[in-house]
């Protein structure tokens, strides 16, 4: 996948969610938002959908560095991760900041995106 790291994990949904939060914390990220798409689809559309969470993660020092380098970059923040069920399995996905920022013409931003991606790849590798 070009825009994220995604893998099937061998734990249940709740344990995957907990593990993602723990690994993000180890890398200096906190969760700013948790969007429950299963709940939203049921509430807004009356559709039954598998468990699907979108987590908005933020590493404050790196977010500050990023916004300082490119003021409008908030349109692409925070870093997103997903935890979802599909076909009886649980998956975790983590965005690739280098891909999210690829359209922005700012060399300082690209080096920051690489720094963030290294941290997020460690999270992914530790799941």
N, C-alpha and C. Protein backbone atom coordinates (compact mmCIF):
# COMPACT_ATOMS: atom_id res chain seq x y z
N UNK A 1 0.85 -1.18 0.00
CA UNK A 1 0.00 0.00 0.00
C UNK A 1 0.89 1.24 0.00
N UNK A 2 0.59 2.17 -0.83
CA UNK A 2 1.43 3.34 -0.99
C UNK A 2 1.28 4.37 0.13
N UNK A 3 0.10 4.50 0.70
CA UNK A 3 -0.11 5.59 1.64
C UNK A 3 -0.18 5.16 3.09
N UNK A 4 0.06 3.87 3.35
CA UNK A 4 0.05 3.42 4.73
C UNK A 4 0.65 2.04 4.89
N UNK A 5 0.95 1.72 6.15
CA UNK A 5 1.39 0.39 6.55
C UNK A 5 0.17 -0.30 7.12
N UNK A 6 -0.22 -1.47 6.61
CA UNK A 6 -1.39 -2.18 7.10
C UNK A 6 -1.02 -3.64 7.31
N UNK A 7 -1.46 -4.19 8.44
CA UNK A 7 -1.21 -5.61 8.69
C UNK A 7 -2.35 -6.24 9.45
N UNK A 8 -2.52 -7.54 9.20
CA UNK A 8 -3.45 -8.33 9.98
C UNK A 8 -2.72 -8.70 11.27
N UNK A 9 -3.41 -8.54 12.41
CA UNK A 9 -2.81 -8.86 13.69
C UNK A 9 -3.50 -10.09 14.29
N UNK A 10 -2.80 -10.74 15.19
CA UNK A 10 -3.31 -12.00 15.74
C UNK A 10 -3.96 -11.83 17.10
N UNK A 11 -4.48 -10.65 17.37
CA UNK A 11 -5.18 -10.39 18.63
C UNK A 11 -6.59 -9.89 18.31
N UNK A 12 -7.44 -9.84 19.34
CA UNK A 12 -8.80 -9.35 19.10
C UNK A 12 -8.79 -7.83 18.94
N UNK A 13 -9.92 -7.29 18.55
CA UNK A 13 -10.05 -5.87 18.25
C UNK A 13 -9.63 -4.99 19.42
N UNK A 14 -10.17 -5.27 20.61
CA UNK A 14 -9.87 -4.43 21.78
C UNK A 14 -8.38 -4.48 22.13
N UNK A 15 -7.78 -5.66 22.04
CA UNK A 15 -6.35 -5.77 22.34
C UNK A 15 -5.51 -5.04 21.29
N UNK A 16 -5.94 -5.08 20.04
CA UNK A 16 -5.23 -4.36 18.98
C UNK A 16 -5.29 -2.85 19.24
N UNK A 17 -6.47 -2.37 19.60
CA UNK A 17 -6.64 -0.95 19.91
C UNK A 17 -5.72 -0.54 21.06
N UNK A 18 -5.70 -1.34 22.11
CA UNK A 18 -4.85 -1.05 23.27
C UNK A 18 -3.38 -1.06 22.87
N UNK A 19 -2.97 -2.04 22.09
CA UNK A 19 -1.57 -2.17 21.67
C UNK A 19 -1.15 -0.99 20.80
N UNK A 20 -2.00 -0.56 19.89
CA UNK A 20 -1.68 0.59 19.05
C UNK A 20 -1.46 1.83 19.92
N UNK A 21 -2.36 2.06 20.87
CA UNK A 21 -2.20 3.22 21.76
C UNK A 21 -0.89 3.14 22.55
N UNK A 22 -0.58 1.96 23.07
CA UNK A 22 0.66 1.79 23.84
C UNK A 22 1.89 2.05 22.99
N UNK A 23 1.91 1.51 21.79
CA UNK A 23 3.08 1.68 20.91
C UNK A 23 3.22 3.12 20.45
N UNK A 24 2.10 3.78 20.17
CA UNK A 24 2.16 5.21 19.81
C UNK A 24 2.73 6.02 20.96
N UNK A 25 2.29 5.71 22.16
CA UNK A 25 2.77 6.44 23.35
C UNK A 25 4.28 6.29 23.50
N UNK A 26 4.80 5.10 23.26
CA UNK A 26 6.25 4.87 23.35
C UNK A 26 7.02 5.78 22.41
N UNK A 27 6.40 6.16 21.30
CA UNK A 27 7.05 7.01 20.30
C UNK A 27 6.69 8.49 20.48
N UNK A 28 6.01 8.82 21.58
CA UNK A 28 5.70 10.21 21.88
C UNK A 28 4.39 10.72 21.31
N UNK A 29 3.52 9.81 20.84
CA UNK A 29 2.23 10.19 20.26
C UNK A 29 1.11 9.98 21.28
N UNK A 30 0.18 10.90 21.28
CA UNK A 30 -1.06 10.74 22.02
C UNK A 30 -2.20 10.68 21.03
N UNK A 31 -3.35 10.20 21.49
CA UNK A 31 -4.52 10.12 20.64
C UNK A 31 -5.39 11.35 20.87
N UNK A 32 -5.53 12.18 19.85
CA UNK A 32 -6.36 13.38 19.92
C UNK A 32 -7.82 13.08 19.65
N UNK A 33 -8.05 12.17 18.71
CA UNK A 33 -9.42 11.84 18.30
C UNK A 33 -9.55 10.33 18.09
N UNK A 34 -10.73 9.84 18.37
CA UNK A 34 -11.09 8.47 18.04
C UNK A 34 -12.45 8.53 17.37
N UNK A 35 -12.50 8.14 16.12
CA UNK A 35 -13.74 8.16 15.37
C UNK A 35 -14.21 6.72 15.18
N UNK A 36 -15.39 6.42 15.69
CA UNK A 36 -15.97 5.09 15.60
C UNK A 36 -16.89 5.05 14.39
N UNK A 37 -16.36 4.54 13.27
CA UNK A 37 -17.11 4.52 12.02
C UNK A 37 -18.28 3.55 12.09
N UNK A 38 -18.14 2.46 12.81
CA UNK A 38 -19.26 1.52 12.99
C UNK A 38 -20.45 2.26 13.60
N UNK A 39 -20.17 3.01 14.65
CA UNK A 39 -21.24 3.76 15.33
C UNK A 39 -21.81 4.85 14.42
N UNK A 40 -20.96 5.58 13.72
CA UNK A 40 -21.42 6.67 12.86
C UNK A 40 -22.27 6.15 11.70
N UNK A 41 -21.84 5.04 11.08
CA UNK A 41 -22.62 4.48 9.98
C UNK A 41 -23.99 4.01 10.46
N UNK A 42 -24.03 3.45 11.66
CA UNK A 42 -25.31 2.99 12.22
C UNK A 42 -26.20 4.20 12.54
N UNK A 43 -25.60 5.18 13.20
CA UNK A 43 -26.34 6.37 13.64
C UNK A 43 -26.84 7.22 12.46
N UNK A 44 -25.99 7.47 11.49
CA UNK A 44 -26.32 8.40 10.41
C UNK A 44 -26.96 7.74 9.19
N UNK A 45 -26.64 6.45 8.97
CA UNK A 45 -27.11 5.80 7.75
C UNK A 45 -27.97 4.56 8.01
N UNK A 46 -28.02 4.14 9.29
CA UNK A 46 -28.76 2.92 9.61
C UNK A 46 -28.11 1.66 9.07
N UNK A 47 -26.80 1.72 8.83
CA UNK A 47 -26.05 0.61 8.24
C UNK A 47 -25.28 -0.14 9.34
N UNK A 48 -25.39 -1.47 9.30
CA UNK A 48 -24.55 -2.29 10.16
C UNK A 48 -23.20 -2.45 9.47
N UNK A 49 -22.13 -2.18 10.20
CA UNK A 49 -20.78 -2.19 9.64
C UNK A 49 -19.85 -2.80 10.68
N UNK A 50 -18.80 -3.49 10.26
CA UNK A 50 -17.85 -4.06 11.22
C UNK A 50 -17.17 -2.95 12.04
N UNK A 51 -16.53 -3.36 13.12
CA UNK A 51 -15.79 -2.41 13.95
C UNK A 51 -14.71 -1.74 13.11
N UNK A 52 -14.65 -0.40 13.21
CA UNK A 52 -13.68 0.37 12.43
C UNK A 52 -13.42 1.68 13.17
N UNK A 53 -12.21 1.82 13.72
CA UNK A 53 -11.82 3.05 14.41
C UNK A 53 -10.76 3.78 13.61
N UNK A 54 -10.88 5.10 13.58
CA UNK A 54 -9.84 5.96 13.03
C UNK A 54 -9.28 6.75 14.21
N UNK A 55 -7.97 6.63 14.43
CA UNK A 55 -7.30 7.31 15.53
C UNK A 55 -6.48 8.47 14.99
N UNK A 56 -6.68 9.64 15.55
CA UNK A 56 -5.88 10.80 15.18
C UNK A 56 -4.76 10.96 16.20
N UNK A 57 -3.54 10.61 15.80
CA UNK A 57 -2.39 10.63 16.72
C UNK A 57 -1.55 11.88 16.51
N UNK A 58 -1.00 12.37 17.62
CA UNK A 58 -0.18 13.58 17.55
C UNK A 58 1.04 13.45 18.46
N UNK A 59 2.18 13.82 17.92
CA UNK A 59 3.41 13.96 18.69
C UNK A 59 3.65 15.47 18.76
N UNK A 60 3.33 16.11 19.90
CA UNK A 60 3.36 17.58 19.96
C UNK A 60 4.65 18.23 19.49
N UNK A 61 5.85 17.77 19.90
CA UNK A 61 7.05 18.43 19.39
C UNK A 61 7.18 18.36 17.87
N UNK A 62 6.83 17.21 17.30
CA UNK A 62 6.93 17.07 15.85
C UNK A 62 5.82 17.82 15.14
N UNK A 63 4.64 17.88 15.74
CA UNK A 63 3.55 18.67 15.16
C UNK A 63 3.94 20.15 15.14
N UNK A 64 4.54 20.63 16.20
CA UNK A 64 4.98 22.03 16.27
C UNK A 64 6.02 22.30 15.18
N UNK A 65 6.96 21.39 15.06
CA UNK A 65 8.00 21.52 14.03
C UNK A 65 7.38 21.54 12.64
N UNK A 66 6.40 20.68 12.42
CA UNK A 66 5.74 20.57 11.12
C UNK A 66 4.96 21.84 10.78
N UNK A 67 4.16 22.30 11.72
CA UNK A 67 3.36 23.50 11.47
C UNK A 67 4.25 24.72 11.32
N UNK A 68 5.34 24.77 12.07
CA UNK A 68 6.28 25.89 11.93
C UNK A 68 6.92 25.92 10.55
N UNK A 69 7.10 24.75 9.95
CA UNK A 69 7.70 24.66 8.61
C UNK A 69 6.69 24.96 7.51
N UNK A 70 5.41 24.71 7.78
CA UNK A 70 4.37 24.86 6.75
C UNK A 70 3.04 25.11 7.44
N UNK A 71 2.65 26.36 7.52
CA UNK A 71 1.48 26.75 8.31
C UNK A 71 0.19 26.05 7.89
N UNK A 72 0.00 25.79 6.64
CA UNK A 72 -1.25 25.18 6.18
C UNK A 72 -1.25 23.65 6.29
N UNK A 73 -0.18 23.08 6.81
CA UNK A 73 -0.07 21.63 6.88
C UNK A 73 -1.08 21.02 7.86
N UNK A 74 -1.69 21.83 8.68
CA UNK A 74 -2.74 21.33 9.57
C UNK A 74 -3.87 20.66 8.80
N UNK A 75 -4.00 20.96 7.52
CA UNK A 75 -4.99 20.29 6.69
C UNK A 75 -4.70 18.80 6.54
N UNK A 76 -3.45 18.40 6.76
CA UNK A 76 -3.06 17.00 6.62
C UNK A 76 -2.75 16.34 7.97
N UNK A 77 -2.95 17.04 9.05
CA UNK A 77 -2.68 16.50 10.39
C UNK A 77 -4.00 16.17 11.07
N UNK A 78 -4.03 15.32 12.07
CA UNK A 78 -2.91 14.59 12.69
C UNK A 78 -2.58 13.34 11.89
N UNK A 79 -1.62 12.57 12.39
CA UNK A 79 -1.29 11.28 11.79
C UNK A 79 -2.41 10.31 12.13
N UNK A 80 -2.90 9.61 11.14
CA UNK A 80 -4.01 8.67 11.37
C UNK A 80 -3.54 7.23 11.45
N UNK A 81 -4.24 6.50 12.29
CA UNK A 81 -4.09 5.05 12.38
C UNK A 81 -5.50 4.47 12.35
N UNK A 82 -5.63 3.23 11.90
CA UNK A 82 -6.92 2.57 11.89
C UNK A 82 -6.81 1.21 12.58
N UNK A 83 -7.90 0.82 13.20
CA UNK A 83 -8.05 -0.53 13.74
C UNK A 83 -9.43 -0.98 13.25
N UNK A 84 -9.47 -2.11 12.52
CA UNK A 84 -10.77 -2.53 11.99
C UNK A 84 -10.85 -4.05 11.88
N UNK A 85 -12.10 -4.51 11.79
CA UNK A 85 -12.38 -5.92 11.56
C UNK A 85 -12.85 -6.08 10.12
N UNK A 86 -12.33 -7.12 9.48
CA UNK A 86 -12.75 -7.41 8.10
C UNK A 86 -12.62 -8.91 7.88
N UNK A 87 -13.70 -9.52 7.45
CA UNK A 87 -13.71 -10.96 7.13
C UNK A 87 -13.20 -11.80 8.30
N UNK A 88 -13.59 -11.43 9.51
CA UNK A 88 -13.24 -12.21 10.69
C UNK A 88 -11.84 -11.99 11.23
N UNK A 89 -11.10 -11.05 10.66
CA UNK A 89 -9.75 -10.75 11.12
C UNK A 89 -9.67 -9.29 11.56
N UNK A 90 -8.63 -8.98 12.33
CA UNK A 90 -8.40 -7.61 12.81
C UNK A 90 -7.17 -7.06 12.09
N UNK A 91 -7.28 -5.83 11.64
CA UNK A 91 -6.19 -5.16 10.92
C UNK A 91 -5.86 -3.84 11.61
N UNK A 92 -4.60 -3.47 11.50
CA UNK A 92 -4.14 -2.17 11.98
C UNK A 92 -3.44 -1.48 10.81
N UNK A 93 -3.76 -0.22 10.61
CA UNK A 93 -3.11 0.56 9.56
C UNK A 93 -2.55 1.84 10.14
N UNK A 94 -1.43 2.27 9.61
CA UNK A 94 -0.79 3.52 10.04
C UNK A 94 -0.36 4.27 8.79
N UNK A 95 -0.69 5.54 8.74
CA UNK A 95 -0.37 6.34 7.57
C UNK A 95 1.13 6.48 7.36
N UNK A 96 1.52 6.75 6.12
CA UNK A 96 2.91 7.07 5.78
C UNK A 96 2.97 8.59 5.59
N UNK A 97 3.53 9.30 6.55
CA UNK A 97 3.59 10.76 6.43
C UNK A 97 4.32 11.24 5.17
N UNK A 98 5.31 10.49 4.72
CA UNK A 98 6.02 10.93 3.52
C UNK A 98 5.09 10.96 2.31
N UNK A 99 4.13 10.04 2.27
CA UNK A 99 3.18 10.03 1.17
C UNK A 99 2.12 11.12 1.34
N UNK A 100 1.68 11.32 2.58
CA UNK A 100 0.68 12.35 2.84
C UNK A 100 1.21 13.74 2.51
N UNK A 101 2.50 13.94 2.71
CA UNK A 101 3.11 15.25 2.50
C UNK A 101 3.77 15.39 1.12
N UNK A 102 3.68 14.35 0.29
CA UNK A 102 4.39 14.34 -0.99
C UNK A 102 4.02 15.49 -1.91
N UNK A 103 2.79 15.95 -1.84
CA UNK A 103 2.35 17.02 -2.74
C UNK A 103 2.83 18.40 -2.31
N UNK A 104 3.31 18.51 -1.08
CA UNK A 104 3.73 19.80 -0.54
C UNK A 104 5.18 20.07 -0.95
N UNK A 105 5.41 21.18 -1.57
CA UNK A 105 6.75 21.55 -2.03
C UNK A 105 7.49 22.31 -0.94
N UNK A 106 8.04 21.56 0.04
CA UNK A 106 8.76 22.18 1.15
C UNK A 106 9.77 21.16 1.65
N UNK A 107 11.07 21.39 1.36
CA UNK A 107 12.11 20.43 1.73
C UNK A 107 12.19 20.22 3.24
N UNK A 108 11.99 21.28 4.02
CA UNK A 108 12.01 21.13 5.48
C UNK A 108 10.92 20.17 5.94
N UNK A 109 9.78 20.28 5.34
CA UNK A 109 8.65 19.42 5.69
C UNK A 109 8.93 17.96 5.36
N UNK A 110 9.57 17.72 4.25
CA UNK A 110 9.86 16.34 3.85
C UNK A 110 10.79 15.66 4.85
N UNK A 111 11.77 16.38 5.37
CA UNK A 111 12.67 15.76 6.35
C UNK A 111 11.93 15.48 7.66
N UNK A 112 11.00 16.34 8.04
CA UNK A 112 10.20 16.10 9.24
C UNK A 112 9.29 14.89 9.02
N UNK A 113 8.68 14.81 7.84
CA UNK A 113 7.81 13.67 7.52
C UNK A 113 8.59 12.36 7.61
N UNK A 114 9.83 12.36 7.16
CA UNK A 114 10.66 11.16 7.27
C UNK A 114 10.91 10.80 8.73
N UNK A 115 11.16 11.81 9.55
CA UNK A 115 11.38 11.59 10.99
C UNK A 115 10.13 10.98 11.64
N UNK A 116 8.97 11.52 11.31
CA UNK A 116 7.71 11.01 11.85
C UNK A 116 7.47 9.59 11.35
N UNK A 117 7.73 9.35 10.08
CA UNK A 117 7.48 8.03 9.51
C UNK A 117 8.35 6.95 10.15
N UNK A 118 9.57 7.28 10.49
CA UNK A 118 10.44 6.32 11.19
C UNK A 118 9.80 5.89 12.50
N UNK A 119 9.25 6.86 13.25
CA UNK A 119 8.58 6.55 14.51
C UNK A 119 7.33 5.71 14.29
N UNK A 120 6.53 6.07 13.32
CA UNK A 120 5.31 5.33 13.05
C UNK A 120 5.61 3.93 12.51
N UNK A 121 6.67 3.77 11.76
CA UNK A 121 7.06 2.43 11.28
C UNK A 121 7.46 1.55 12.45
N UNK A 122 8.11 2.13 13.47
CA UNK A 122 8.44 1.35 14.67
C UNK A 122 7.18 0.89 15.38
N UNK A 123 6.18 1.78 15.44
CA UNK A 123 4.90 1.39 16.02
C UNK A 123 4.36 0.18 15.26
N UNK A 124 4.31 0.29 13.94
CA UNK A 124 3.81 -0.78 13.08
C UNK A 124 4.59 -2.08 13.29
N UNK A 125 5.90 -1.98 13.33
CA UNK A 125 6.75 -3.16 13.48
C UNK A 125 6.54 -3.84 14.83
N UNK A 126 6.15 -3.08 15.85
CA UNK A 126 5.97 -3.63 17.20
C UNK A 126 4.58 -4.19 17.44
N UNK A 127 3.71 -4.13 16.45
CA UNK A 127 2.37 -4.68 16.64
C UNK A 127 2.34 -6.18 16.46
